[in-house]
């Protein structure tokens, strides 16, 4: 009977033990131009054609159809979009 009480106490402690917050494992999207340039591995001041070429090269490596990750593809696409939007503005 004592083992049943001990088991119940262990379960209650485990059940209500504080747990660390769950963090997303997905790569974060670029927040600024420096992040986007680092993702695409481009120097500051790269022109639109260099951005498109770097994007095409990276998407070929990280696309889910080629064994990559949808999250990484999303990150590369966001970097391209951010840089091209700033170049066009």
N, C-alpha and C. Protein backbone atom coordinates (compact mmCIF):
# COMPACT_ATOMS: atom_id res chain seq x y z
N UNK A 1 0.82 -1.19 0.00
CA UNK A 1 0.00 0.00 0.00
C UNK A 1 0.87 1.26 0.00
N UNK A 2 2.02 1.19 0.72
CA UNK A 2 2.90 2.36 0.75
C UNK A 2 3.45 2.67 -0.63
N UNK A 3 3.71 1.65 -1.43
CA UNK A 3 4.23 1.88 -2.77
C UNK A 3 3.22 2.59 -3.64
N UNK A 4 1.92 2.32 -3.41
CA UNK A 4 0.88 2.99 -4.18
C UNK A 4 0.83 4.48 -3.84
N UNK A 5 0.98 4.80 -2.56
CA UNK A 5 1.00 6.21 -2.14
C UNK A 5 2.24 6.89 -2.70
N UNK A 6 3.39 6.21 -2.64
CA UNK A 6 4.62 6.79 -3.18
C UNK A 6 4.49 7.02 -4.68
N UNK A 7 3.90 6.09 -5.38
CA UNK A 7 3.70 6.24 -6.82
C UNK A 7 2.77 7.41 -7.12
N UNK A 8 1.72 7.57 -6.33
CA UNK A 8 0.80 8.70 -6.52
C UNK A 8 1.50 10.03 -6.27
N UNK A 9 2.34 10.09 -5.25
CA UNK A 9 3.09 11.32 -4.95
C UNK A 9 4.05 11.64 -6.09
N UNK A 10 4.76 10.63 -6.57
CA UNK A 10 5.70 10.85 -7.68
C UNK A 10 4.95 11.35 -8.91
N UNK A 11 3.81 10.75 -9.21
CA UNK A 11 3.03 11.18 -10.37
C UNK A 11 2.55 12.61 -10.21
N UNK A 12 2.07 12.97 -9.02
CA UNK A 12 1.59 14.34 -8.79
C UNK A 12 2.71 15.36 -8.92
N UNK A 13 3.88 15.02 -8.38
CA UNK A 13 5.02 15.93 -8.50
C UNK A 13 5.40 16.10 -9.98
N UNK A 14 5.45 14.99 -10.71
CA UNK A 14 5.79 15.06 -12.13
C UNK A 14 4.73 15.83 -12.91
N UNK A 15 3.46 15.59 -12.59
CA UNK A 15 2.35 16.21 -13.32
C UNK A 15 2.33 17.72 -13.17
N UNK A 16 2.60 18.22 -11.99
CA UNK A 16 2.49 19.66 -11.73
C UNK A 16 3.84 20.36 -11.64
N UNK A 17 4.90 19.69 -12.06
CA UNK A 17 6.22 20.30 -12.07
C UNK A 17 6.26 21.39 -13.14
N UNK A 18 6.82 22.57 -12.81
CA UNK A 18 6.90 23.62 -13.84
C UNK A 18 7.81 23.17 -14.99
N UNK A 19 7.37 23.47 -16.18
CA UNK A 19 8.11 23.07 -17.37
C UNK A 19 8.60 24.33 -18.10
N UNK A 20 9.74 24.25 -18.77
CA UNK A 20 10.19 25.40 -19.55
C UNK A 20 9.24 25.64 -20.72
N UNK A 21 9.15 26.89 -21.14
CA UNK A 21 8.29 27.23 -22.26
C UNK A 21 8.79 26.55 -23.53
N UNK A 22 7.86 26.11 -24.35
CA UNK A 22 8.23 25.47 -25.61
C UNK A 22 8.68 26.54 -26.59
N UNK A 23 9.81 26.28 -27.20
CA UNK A 23 10.34 27.22 -28.20
C UNK A 23 10.16 26.61 -29.58
N UNK A 24 9.91 27.46 -30.50
CA UNK A 24 9.77 27.01 -31.87
C UNK A 24 11.13 26.60 -32.42
N UNK A 25 11.16 25.50 -33.11
CA UNK A 25 12.40 25.05 -33.74
C UNK A 25 12.54 25.59 -35.16
N UNK A 26 11.50 26.27 -35.63
CA UNK A 26 11.55 26.82 -36.98
C UNK A 26 12.53 27.99 -37.03
N UNK A 27 13.27 28.09 -38.12
CA UNK A 27 14.18 29.22 -38.25
C UNK A 27 13.41 30.53 -38.29
N UNK A 28 13.97 31.56 -37.69
CA UNK A 28 13.25 32.82 -37.67
C UNK A 28 13.44 33.54 -39.00
N UNK A 29 12.44 34.33 -39.35
CA UNK A 29 12.49 35.09 -40.59
C UNK A 29 13.38 36.30 -40.41
N UNK A 30 13.96 36.80 -41.49
CA UNK A 30 14.84 37.97 -41.38
C UNK A 30 14.06 39.20 -40.93
N UNK A 31 14.66 39.96 -40.01
CA UNK A 31 14.00 41.16 -39.49
C UNK A 31 14.47 42.42 -40.18
N UNK A 32 15.67 42.41 -40.68
CA UNK A 32 16.19 43.62 -41.32
C UNK A 32 17.10 43.22 -42.48
N UNK A 33 17.63 44.22 -43.14
CA UNK A 33 18.44 43.98 -44.33
C UNK A 33 19.70 43.18 -44.01
N UNK A 34 20.29 43.42 -42.85
CA UNK A 34 21.51 42.69 -42.47
C UNK A 34 21.22 41.19 -42.33
N UNK A 35 20.08 40.85 -41.71
CA UNK A 35 19.70 39.43 -41.60
C UNK A 35 19.51 38.81 -42.98
N UNK A 36 18.80 39.53 -43.85
CA UNK A 36 18.52 39.01 -45.18
C UNK A 36 19.81 38.81 -45.98
N UNK A 37 20.72 39.76 -45.88
CA UNK A 37 22.00 39.63 -46.58
C UNK A 37 22.80 38.44 -46.06
N UNK A 38 22.75 38.22 -44.75
CA UNK A 38 23.48 37.08 -44.16
C UNK A 38 22.87 35.76 -44.61
N UNK A 39 21.55 35.69 -44.69
CA UNK A 39 20.89 34.46 -45.12
C UNK A 39 21.28 34.12 -46.55
N UNK A 40 21.26 35.13 -47.42
CA UNK A 40 21.58 34.90 -48.83
C UNK A 40 23.08 34.94 -49.10
N UNK A 41 23.87 35.23 -48.08
CA UNK A 41 25.33 35.29 -48.19
C UNK A 41 25.76 36.30 -49.27
N UNK A 42 25.23 37.52 -49.11
CA UNK A 42 25.51 38.59 -50.06
C UNK A 42 26.20 39.75 -49.36
N UNK A 43 27.01 40.52 -50.09
CA UNK A 43 27.61 41.72 -49.50
C UNK A 43 26.59 42.86 -49.48
N UNK A 44 26.76 43.83 -48.61
CA UNK A 44 25.86 45.00 -48.61
C UNK A 44 25.93 45.70 -49.97
N UNK A 45 24.79 46.17 -50.42
CA UNK A 45 24.74 46.87 -51.70
C UNK A 45 24.61 45.96 -52.90
N UNK A 46 24.27 44.69 -52.70
CA UNK A 46 24.11 43.76 -53.82
C UNK A 46 22.93 44.21 -54.68
N UNK A 47 23.08 44.06 -56.00
CA UNK A 47 22.00 44.49 -56.89
C UNK A 47 20.93 43.40 -56.99
N UNK A 48 19.83 43.73 -57.69
CA UNK A 48 18.69 42.83 -57.78
C UNK A 48 19.06 41.52 -58.46
N UNK A 49 19.90 41.56 -59.46
CA UNK A 49 20.29 40.33 -60.16
C UNK A 49 21.09 39.41 -59.25
N UNK A 50 21.98 39.96 -58.44
CA UNK A 50 22.75 39.14 -57.50
C UNK A 50 21.83 38.52 -56.45
N UNK A 51 20.82 39.28 -56.03
CA UNK A 51 19.85 38.75 -55.06
C UNK A 51 19.10 37.58 -55.66
N UNK A 52 18.64 37.73 -56.90
CA UNK A 52 17.90 36.65 -57.56
C UNK A 52 18.77 35.41 -57.76
N UNK A 53 20.02 35.60 -58.14
CA UNK A 53 20.92 34.45 -58.35
C UNK A 53 21.21 33.73 -57.03
N UNK A 54 21.45 34.49 -55.97
CA UNK A 54 21.71 33.87 -54.66
C UNK A 54 20.47 33.13 -54.17
N UNK A 55 19.30 33.71 -54.40
CA UNK A 55 18.05 33.07 -54.00
C UNK A 55 17.87 31.76 -54.75
N UNK A 56 18.07 31.78 -56.05
CA UNK A 56 17.90 30.57 -56.86
C UNK A 56 18.88 29.48 -56.42
N UNK A 57 20.11 29.86 -56.14
CA UNK A 57 21.12 28.90 -55.70
C UNK A 57 20.72 28.25 -54.37
N UNK A 58 20.28 29.08 -53.41
CA UNK A 58 19.93 28.55 -52.09
C UNK A 58 18.65 27.73 -52.12
N UNK A 59 17.65 28.18 -52.88
CA UNK A 59 16.40 27.42 -52.94
C UNK A 59 16.66 26.04 -53.54
N UNK A 60 17.58 25.96 -54.48
CA UNK A 60 17.93 24.65 -55.04
C UNK A 60 18.49 23.70 -53.99
N UNK A 61 19.07 24.25 -52.94
CA UNK A 61 19.66 23.42 -51.88
C UNK A 61 18.68 23.10 -50.76
N UNK A 62 17.78 24.03 -50.43
CA UNK A 62 16.95 23.85 -49.23
C UNK A 62 15.49 23.54 -49.53
N UNK A 63 15.09 23.43 -50.80
CA UNK A 63 13.69 23.19 -51.14
C UNK A 63 13.26 21.80 -50.66
N UNK A 64 12.03 21.68 -50.16
CA UNK A 64 11.56 20.38 -49.66
C UNK A 64 11.55 19.28 -50.72
N UNK A 65 11.34 19.62 -51.97
CA UNK A 65 11.35 18.60 -53.02
C UNK A 65 12.74 18.02 -53.25
N UNK A 66 13.75 18.69 -52.75
CA UNK A 66 15.13 18.20 -52.90
C UNK A 66 15.71 17.76 -51.56
N UNK A 67 14.83 17.43 -50.63
CA UNK A 67 15.27 16.92 -49.33
C UNK A 67 15.53 18.00 -48.30
N UNK A 68 15.14 19.22 -48.59
CA UNK A 68 15.34 20.33 -47.65
C UNK A 68 14.15 20.53 -46.74
N UNK A 69 14.04 21.73 -46.24
CA UNK A 69 13.02 22.05 -45.25
C UNK A 69 12.12 23.17 -45.77
N UNK A 70 10.83 23.06 -45.52
CA UNK A 70 9.89 24.12 -45.90
C UNK A 70 10.18 25.39 -45.11
N UNK A 71 10.60 25.24 -43.86
CA UNK A 71 10.90 26.42 -43.03
C UNK A 71 12.12 27.17 -43.57
N UNK A 72 13.15 26.43 -43.97
CA UNK A 72 14.33 27.10 -44.54
C UNK A 72 14.00 27.77 -45.86
N UNK A 73 13.17 27.12 -46.68
CA UNK A 73 12.75 27.72 -47.94
C UNK A 73 11.97 29.00 -47.67
N UNK A 74 11.11 28.97 -46.68
CA UNK A 74 10.34 30.16 -46.31
C UNK A 74 11.27 31.29 -45.87
N UNK A 75 12.32 30.94 -45.15
CA UNK A 75 13.27 31.94 -44.68
C UNK A 75 14.05 32.56 -45.85
N UNK A 76 14.48 31.73 -46.79
CA UNK A 76 15.21 32.23 -47.96
C UNK A 76 14.30 33.12 -48.81
N UNK A 77 13.05 32.69 -49.00
CA UNK A 77 12.10 33.50 -49.76
C UNK A 77 11.84 34.84 -49.09
N UNK A 78 11.71 34.84 -47.77
CA UNK A 78 11.47 36.09 -47.04
C UNK A 78 12.66 37.03 -47.17
N UNK A 79 13.86 36.48 -47.15
CA UNK A 79 15.06 37.31 -47.30
C UNK A 79 15.08 37.95 -48.69
N UNK A 80 14.78 37.17 -49.71
CA UNK A 80 14.73 37.71 -51.07
C UNK A 80 13.68 38.80 -51.19
N UNK A 81 12.48 38.54 -50.66
CA UNK A 81 11.40 39.52 -50.75
C UNK A 81 11.76 40.81 -50.04
N UNK A 82 12.37 40.70 -48.86
CA UNK A 82 12.75 41.89 -48.11
C UNK A 82 13.78 42.72 -48.87
N UNK A 83 14.79 42.07 -49.41
CA UNK A 83 15.84 42.80 -50.13
C UNK A 83 15.33 43.42 -51.43
N UNK A 84 14.52 42.68 -52.17
CA UNK A 84 14.00 43.23 -53.43
C UNK A 84 13.03 44.38 -53.17
N UNK A 85 12.25 44.28 -52.10
CA UNK A 85 11.34 45.38 -51.76
C UNK A 85 12.12 46.64 -51.41
N UNK A 86 13.23 46.49 -50.72
CA UNK A 86 14.04 47.66 -50.36
C UNK A 86 14.77 48.22 -51.58
N UNK A 87 15.13 47.35 -52.53
CA UNK A 87 15.82 47.83 -53.73
C UNK A 87 14.85 48.60 -54.63
N UNK A 88 13.60 48.12 -54.69
CA UNK A 88 12.60 48.76 -55.55
C UNK A 88 12.06 50.06 -54.96
N UNK A 89 12.15 50.19 -53.64
CA UNK A 89 11.57 51.37 -52.98
C UNK A 89 12.42 52.61 -53.17
